[in-house]
Amino acid sequence: MFNNKAKGTLMSADNTTLIAKGTEISGEIKFSGCLEIEGTVLGNIIAEPSCEKSQVRIQNSGQVKGDVCAPVIIVNGQIEGNVYSSKRVELATKALVCGDVHYQMMEMVKGAQINGGLMYTEDSTQKRLEPSDPTGQAVDSDDILGQYVDSGLNG
């Protein structure tokens, strides 16, 4: 189900970044291509707004404490923060999201959990979505996450 090439899942050694199990990264991550997380990220994860095929995969052992913003987000680990997807969110059996999920299309299998709201996003004409900051500090409205949401939701 989660490696189905018919869905257009992006997986290539040329453009994949792996955060391995046992690795902890503190700070915001901006990327293009595929980001695979088996370790821990303390900070927001943001796909480059110009890359419509970017995806984040959070594996069983993966944890993110911050917002995740990408066209495709596949979760089988834990996210403590909001999820912003301009295309598709897939929640596998062991997925746990503690935050709101903003999606255009979503697949959720038995066992996945969301402790937050579900917000369907039709297109980029909707109101700007403001990210939360895991440190509790105010977020500037010109933050790249807001820019991404404004430009990427019509995909």
C-alpha atoms as a PDB file:
ATOM      1  CA  MET A   1       0.000   0.000   0.000  1.00  0.00           C
ATOM      2  CA  PHE A   2       2.696   2.536   0.931  1.00  0.00           C
ATOM      3  CA  ASN A   3       5.114   1.580  -1.851  1.00  0.00           C
ATOM      4  CA  ASN A   4       2.507   1.545  -4.612  1.00  0.00           C
ATOM      5  CA  LYS A   5       4.178   3.028  -7.702  1.00  0.00           C
ATOM      6  CA  ALA A   6       0.758   3.596  -9.312  1.00  0.00           C
ATOM      7  CA  LYS A   7       0.141   6.391  -6.790  1.00  0.00           C
ATOM      8  CA  GLY A   8       3.258   8.183  -7.997  1.00  0.00           C
ATOM      9  CA  THR A   9       5.267   7.514  -4.848  1.00  0.00           C
ATOM     10  CA  LEU A  10       8.671   9.118  -5.222  1.00  0.00           C
ATOM     11  CA  MET A  11      11.618   6.948  -4.168  1.00  0.00           C
ATOM     12  CA  SER A  12      15.033   7.396  -5.724  1.00  0.00           C
ATOM     13  CA  ALA A  13      18.547   7.221  -4.318  1.00  0.00           C
ATOM     14  CA  ASP A  14      19.420  10.418  -6.218  1.00  0.00           C
ATOM     15  CA  ASN A  15      17.027  12.634  -4.282  1.00  0.00           C
ATOM     16  CA  THR A  16      16.380  10.834  -0.984  1.00  0.00           C
ATOM     17  CA  THR A  17      17.633  12.089   2.381  1.00  0.00           C
ATOM     18  CA  LEU A  18      17.585   9.633   5.281  1.00  0.00           C
ATOM     19  CA  ILE A  19      17.568  10.555   8.944  1.00  0.00           C
ATOM     20  CA  ALA A  20      18.558   7.207  10.409  1.00  0.00           C
ATOM     21  CA  LYS A  21      17.258   5.521  13.539  1.00  0.00           C
ATOM     22  CA  GLY A  22      19.164   6.793  16.575  1.00  0.00           C
ATOM     23  CA  THR A  23      19.824  10.192  14.959  1.00  0.00           C
ATOM     24  CA  GLU A  24      18.335  13.366  16.466  1.00  0.00           C
ATOM     25  CA  ILE A  25      18.242  16.644  14.570  1.00  0.00           C
ATOM     26  CA  SER A  26      17.253  19.951  16.196  1.00  0.00           C
ATOM     27  CA  GLY A  27      16.176  22.783  13.915  1.00  0.00           C
ATOM     28  CA  GLU A  28      14.103  23.433  10.828  1.00  0.00           C
ATOM     29  CA  ILE A  29      14.640  21.194   7.790  1.00  0.00           C
ATOM     30  CA  LYS A  30      14.008  22.565   4.285  1.00  0.00           C
ATOM     31  CA  PHE A  31      14.285  19.998   1.501  1.00  0.00           C
ATOM     32  CA  SER A  32      13.268  18.877  -1.973  1.00  0.00           C
ATOM     33  CA  GLY A  33      12.858  15.315  -3.181  1.00  0.00           C
ATOM     34  CA  CYS A  34      12.192  12.624  -0.597  1.00  0.00           C
ATOM     35  CA  LEU A  35      12.931  12.913   3.126  1.00  0.00           C
ATOM     36  CA  GLU A  36      12.791   9.634   5.035  1.00  0.00           C
ATOM     37  CA  ILE A  37      12.782   9.845   8.830  1.00  0.00           C
ATOM     38  CA  GLU A  38      13.640   6.895  11.047  1.00  0.00           C
ATOM     39  CA  GLY A  39      15.178   9.043  13.816  1.00  0.00           C
ATOM     40  CA  THR A  40      13.956  12.165  15.638  1.00  0.00           C
ATOM     41  CA  VAL A  41      13.480  15.707  14.316  1.00  0.00           C
ATOM     42  CA  LEU A  42      12.884  18.580  16.749  1.00  0.00           C
ATOM     43  CA  GLY A  43      11.693  21.371  14.471  1.00  0.00           C
ATOM     44  CA  ASN A  44       9.560  22.078  11.422  1.00  0.00           C
ATOM     45  CA  ILE A  45       9.999  20.128   8.178  1.00  0.00           C
ATOM     46  CA  ILE A  46       9.276  22.145   5.036  1.00  0.00           C
ATOM     47  CA  ALA A  47       9.434  21.033   1.407  1.00  0.00           C
ATOM     48  CA  GLU A  48      10.593  23.645  -1.097  1.00  0.00           C
ATOM     49  CA  PRO A  49       7.406  25.258  -2.481  1.00  0.00           C
ATOM     50  CA  SER A  50       8.608  24.876  -6.081  1.00  0.00           C
ATOM     51  CA  CYS A  51       9.029  21.083  -5.796  1.00  0.00           C
ATOM     52  CA  GLU A  52       5.580  19.554  -6.386  1.00  0.00           C
ATOM     53  CA  LYS A  53       6.857  15.954  -6.077  1.00  0.00           C
ATOM     54  CA  SER A  54       8.489  16.249  -2.642  1.00  0.00           C
ATOM     55  CA  GLN A  55       7.438  13.830   0.050  1.00  0.00           C
ATOM     56  CA  VAL A  56       8.130  13.109   3.696  1.00  0.00           C
ATOM     57  CA  ARG A  57       8.056   9.528   4.988  1.00  0.00           C
ATOM     58  CA  ILE A  58       8.032   9.049   8.755  1.00  0.00           C
ATOM     59  CA  GLN A  59       8.807   5.410   9.487  1.00  0.00           C
ATOM     60  CA  ASN A  60       7.784   3.337  12.572  1.00  0.00           C
ATOM     61  CA  SER A  61      10.713   4.564  14.659  1.00  0.00           C
ATOM     62  CA  GLY A  62      10.488   8.134  13.341  1.00  0.00           C
ATOM     63  CA  GLN A  63       9.385  11.068  15.482  1.00  0.00           C
ATOM     64  CA  VAL A  64       8.814  14.706  14.565  1.00  0.00           C
ATOM     65  CA  LYS A  65       8.169  17.458  17.112  1.00  0.00           C
ATOM     66  CA  GLY A  66       7.158  20.309  14.849  1.00  0.00           C
ATOM     67  CA  ASP A  67       5.000  21.013  11.813  1.00  0.00           C
ATOM     68  CA  VAL A  68       5.376  18.972   8.609  1.00  0.00           C
ATOM     69  CA  CYS A  69       4.659  20.671   5.289  1.00  0.00           C
ATOM     70  CA  ALA A  70       5.024  18.818   1.950  1.00  0.00           C
ATOM     71  CA  PRO A  71       2.896  17.791  -1.031  1.00  0.00           C
ATOM     72  CA  VAL A  72       2.937  14.108   0.035  1.00  0.00           C
ATOM     73  CA  ILE A  73       3.254  13.041   3.667  1.00  0.00           C
ATOM     74  CA  ILE A  74       3.375   9.356   4.628  1.00  0.00           C
ATOM     75  CA  VAL A  75       3.298   8.577   8.344  1.00  0.00           C
ATOM     76  CA  ASN A  76       3.865   5.355  10.255  1.00  0.00           C
ATOM     77  CA  GLY A  77       5.591   7.037  13.213  1.00  0.00           C
ATOM     78  CA  GLN A  78       4.747  10.027  15.420  1.00  0.00           C
ATOM     79  CA  ILE A  79       4.191  13.721  14.745  1.00  0.00           C
ATOM     80  CA  GLU A  80       3.644  16.274  17.510  1.00  0.00           C
ATOM     81  CA  GLY A  81       2.619  19.227  15.390  1.00  0.00           C
ATOM     82  CA  ASN A  82       0.396  20.177  12.496  1.00  0.00           C
ATOM     83  CA  VAL A  83       0.513  18.476   9.096  1.00  0.00           C
ATOM     84  CA  TYR A  84       0.113  20.546   5.898  1.00  0.00           C
ATOM     85  CA  SER A  85      -0.223  18.607   2.642  1.00  0.00           C
ATOM     86  CA  SER A  86      -1.040  20.076  -0.753  1.00  0.00           C
ATOM     87  CA  LYS A  87      -1.630  16.657  -2.327  1.00  0.00           C
ATOM     88  CA  ARG A  88      -1.889  13.519  -0.178  1.00  0.00           C
ATOM     89  CA  VAL A  89      -1.531  12.304   3.405  1.00  0.00           C
ATOM     90  CA  GLU A  90      -1.196   8.570   4.125  1.00  0.00           C
ATOM     91  CA  LEU A  91      -1.513   7.368   7.721  1.00  0.00           C
ATOM     92  CA  ALA A  92      -0.359   3.775   8.307  1.00  0.00           C
ATOM     93  CA  THR A  93      -1.222   1.453  11.182  1.00  0.00           C
ATOM     94  CA  LYS A  94       1.270   2.895  13.706  1.00  0.00           C
ATOM     95  CA  ALA A  95       0.765   6.554  12.771  1.00  0.00           C
ATOM     96  CA  LEU A  96       0.139   8.957  15.652  1.00  0.00           C
ATOM     97  CA  VAL A  97      -0.471  12.629  14.884  1.00  0.00           C
ATOM     98  CA  CYS A  98      -0.959  15.045  17.785  1.00  0.00           C
ATOM     99  CA  GLY A  99      -2.033  18.120  15.863  1.00  0.00           C
ATOM    100  CA  ASP A 100      -4.274  19.244  13.023  1.00  0.00           C
ATOM    101  CA  VAL A 101      -4.063  17.608   9.593  1.00  0.00           C
ATOM    102  CA  HIS A 102      -4.601  19.915   6.593  1.00  0.00           C
ATOM    103  CA  TYR A 103      -5.075  17.736   3.526  1.00  0.00           C
ATOM    104  CA  GLN A 104      -6.411  17.576   0.006  1.00  0.00           C
ATOM    105  CA  MET A 105      -6.607  13.770  -0.133  1.00  0.00           C
ATOM    106  CA  MET A 106      -6.110  11.376   2.781  1.00  0.00           C
ATOM    107  CA  GLU A 107      -5.768   7.644   3.317  1.00  0.00           C
ATOM    108  CA  MET A 108      -5.986   6.342   6.871  1.00  0.00           C
ATOM    109  CA  VAL A 109      -5.771   2.671   7.805  1.00  0.00           C
ATOM    110  CA  LYS A 110      -7.051   0.870  10.886  1.00  0.00           C
ATOM    111  CA  GLY A 111      -4.891   1.646  13.917  1.00  0.00           C
ATOM    112  CA  ALA A 112      -3.771   5.142  12.869  1.00  0.00           C
ATOM    113  CA  GLN A 113      -4.554   7.914  15.372  1.00  0.00           C
ATOM    114  CA  ILE A 114      -5.133  11.654  15.042  1.00  0.00           C
ATOM    115  CA  ASN A 115      -5.395  13.747  18.192  1.00  0.00           C
ATOM    116  CA  GLY A 116      -6.429  16.972  16.510  1.00  0.00           C
ATOM    117  CA  GLY A 117      -8.641  18.239  13.732  1.00  0.00           C
ATOM    118  CA  LEU A 118      -8.996  17.324  10.079  1.00  0.00           C
ATOM    119  CA  MET A 119      -9.093  20.304   7.714  1.00  0.00           C
ATOM    120  CA  TYR A 120      -9.893  19.622   4.069  1.00  0.00           C
ATOM    121  CA  THR A 121      -8.098  22.036   1.744  1.00  0.00           C
ATOM    122  CA  GLU A 122      -9.665  22.524  -1.653  1.00  0.00           C
ATOM    123  CA  ASP A 123      -7.301  25.070  -3.232  1.00  0.00           C
ATOM    124  CA  SER A 124      -4.945  27.981  -2.634  1.00  0.00           C
ATOM    125  CA  THR A 125      -7.756  30.521  -2.322  1.00  0.00           C
ATOM    126  CA  GLN A 126      -8.316  29.497   1.279  1.00  0.00           C
ATOM    127  CA  LYS A 127      -7.112  31.583   4.182  1.00  0.00           C
ATOM    128  CA  ARG A 128      -3.401  31.335   5.050  1.00  0.00           C
ATOM    129  CA  LEU A 129      -2.629  28.542   7.492  1.00  0.00           C
ATOM    130  CA  GLU A 130      -0.387  29.722  10.308  1.00  0.00           C
ATOM    131  CA  PRO A 131       2.111  27.187  11.638  1.00  0.00           C
ATOM    132  CA  SER A 132       2.816  26.649  15.307  1.00  0.00           C
ATOM    133  CA  ASP A 133       6.331  26.889  16.679  1.00  0.00           C
ATOM    134  CA  PRO A 134       7.430  23.952  18.875  1.00  0.00           C
ATOM    135  CA  THR A 135       9.453  26.379  21.046  1.00  0.00           C
ATOM    136  CA  GLY A 136       6.309  28.379  21.841  1.00  0.00           C
ATOM    137  CA  GLN A 137       7.589  31.549  20.134  1.00  0.00           C
ATOM    138  CA  ALA A 138       5.398  33.613  17.841  1.00  0.00           C
ATOM    139  CA  VAL A 139       5.720  32.736  14.153  1.00  0.00           C
ATOM    140  CA  ASP A 140       6.290  35.487  11.602  1.00  0.00           C
ATOM    141  CA  SER A 141       3.497  35.628   9.014  1.00  0.00           C
ATOM    142  CA  ASP A 142       6.114  35.711   6.227  1.00  0.00           C
ATOM    143  CA  ASP A 143       7.465  32.346   7.365  1.00  0.00           C
ATOM    144  CA  ILE A 144       8.226  29.965   4.495  1.00  0.00           C
ATOM    145  CA  LEU A 145       5.610  27.522   5.764  1.00  0.00           C
ATOM    146  CA  GLY A 146       2.893  30.121   5.189  1.00  0.00           C
ATOM    147  CA  GLN A 147       4.375  30.873   1.774  1.00  0.00           C
ATOM    148  CA  TYR A 148       4.336  27.168   0.921  1.00  0.00           C
ATOM    149  CA  VAL A 149       0.726  26.747   1.940  1.00  0.00           C
ATOM    150  CA  ASP A 150      -0.294  29.792  -0.113  1.00  0.00           C
ATOM    151  CA  SER A 151       1.540  28.641  -3.248  1.00  0.00           C
ATOM    152  CA  GLY A 152       1.288  24.857  -3.076  1.00  0.00           C
ATOM    153  CA  LEU A 153      -2.319  23.982  -2.373  1.00  0.00           C
ATOM    154  CA  ASN A 154      -3.560  24.173  -5.940  1.00  0.00           C
ATOM    155  CA  GLY A 155      -1.492  21.054  -6.905  1.00  0.00           C
END
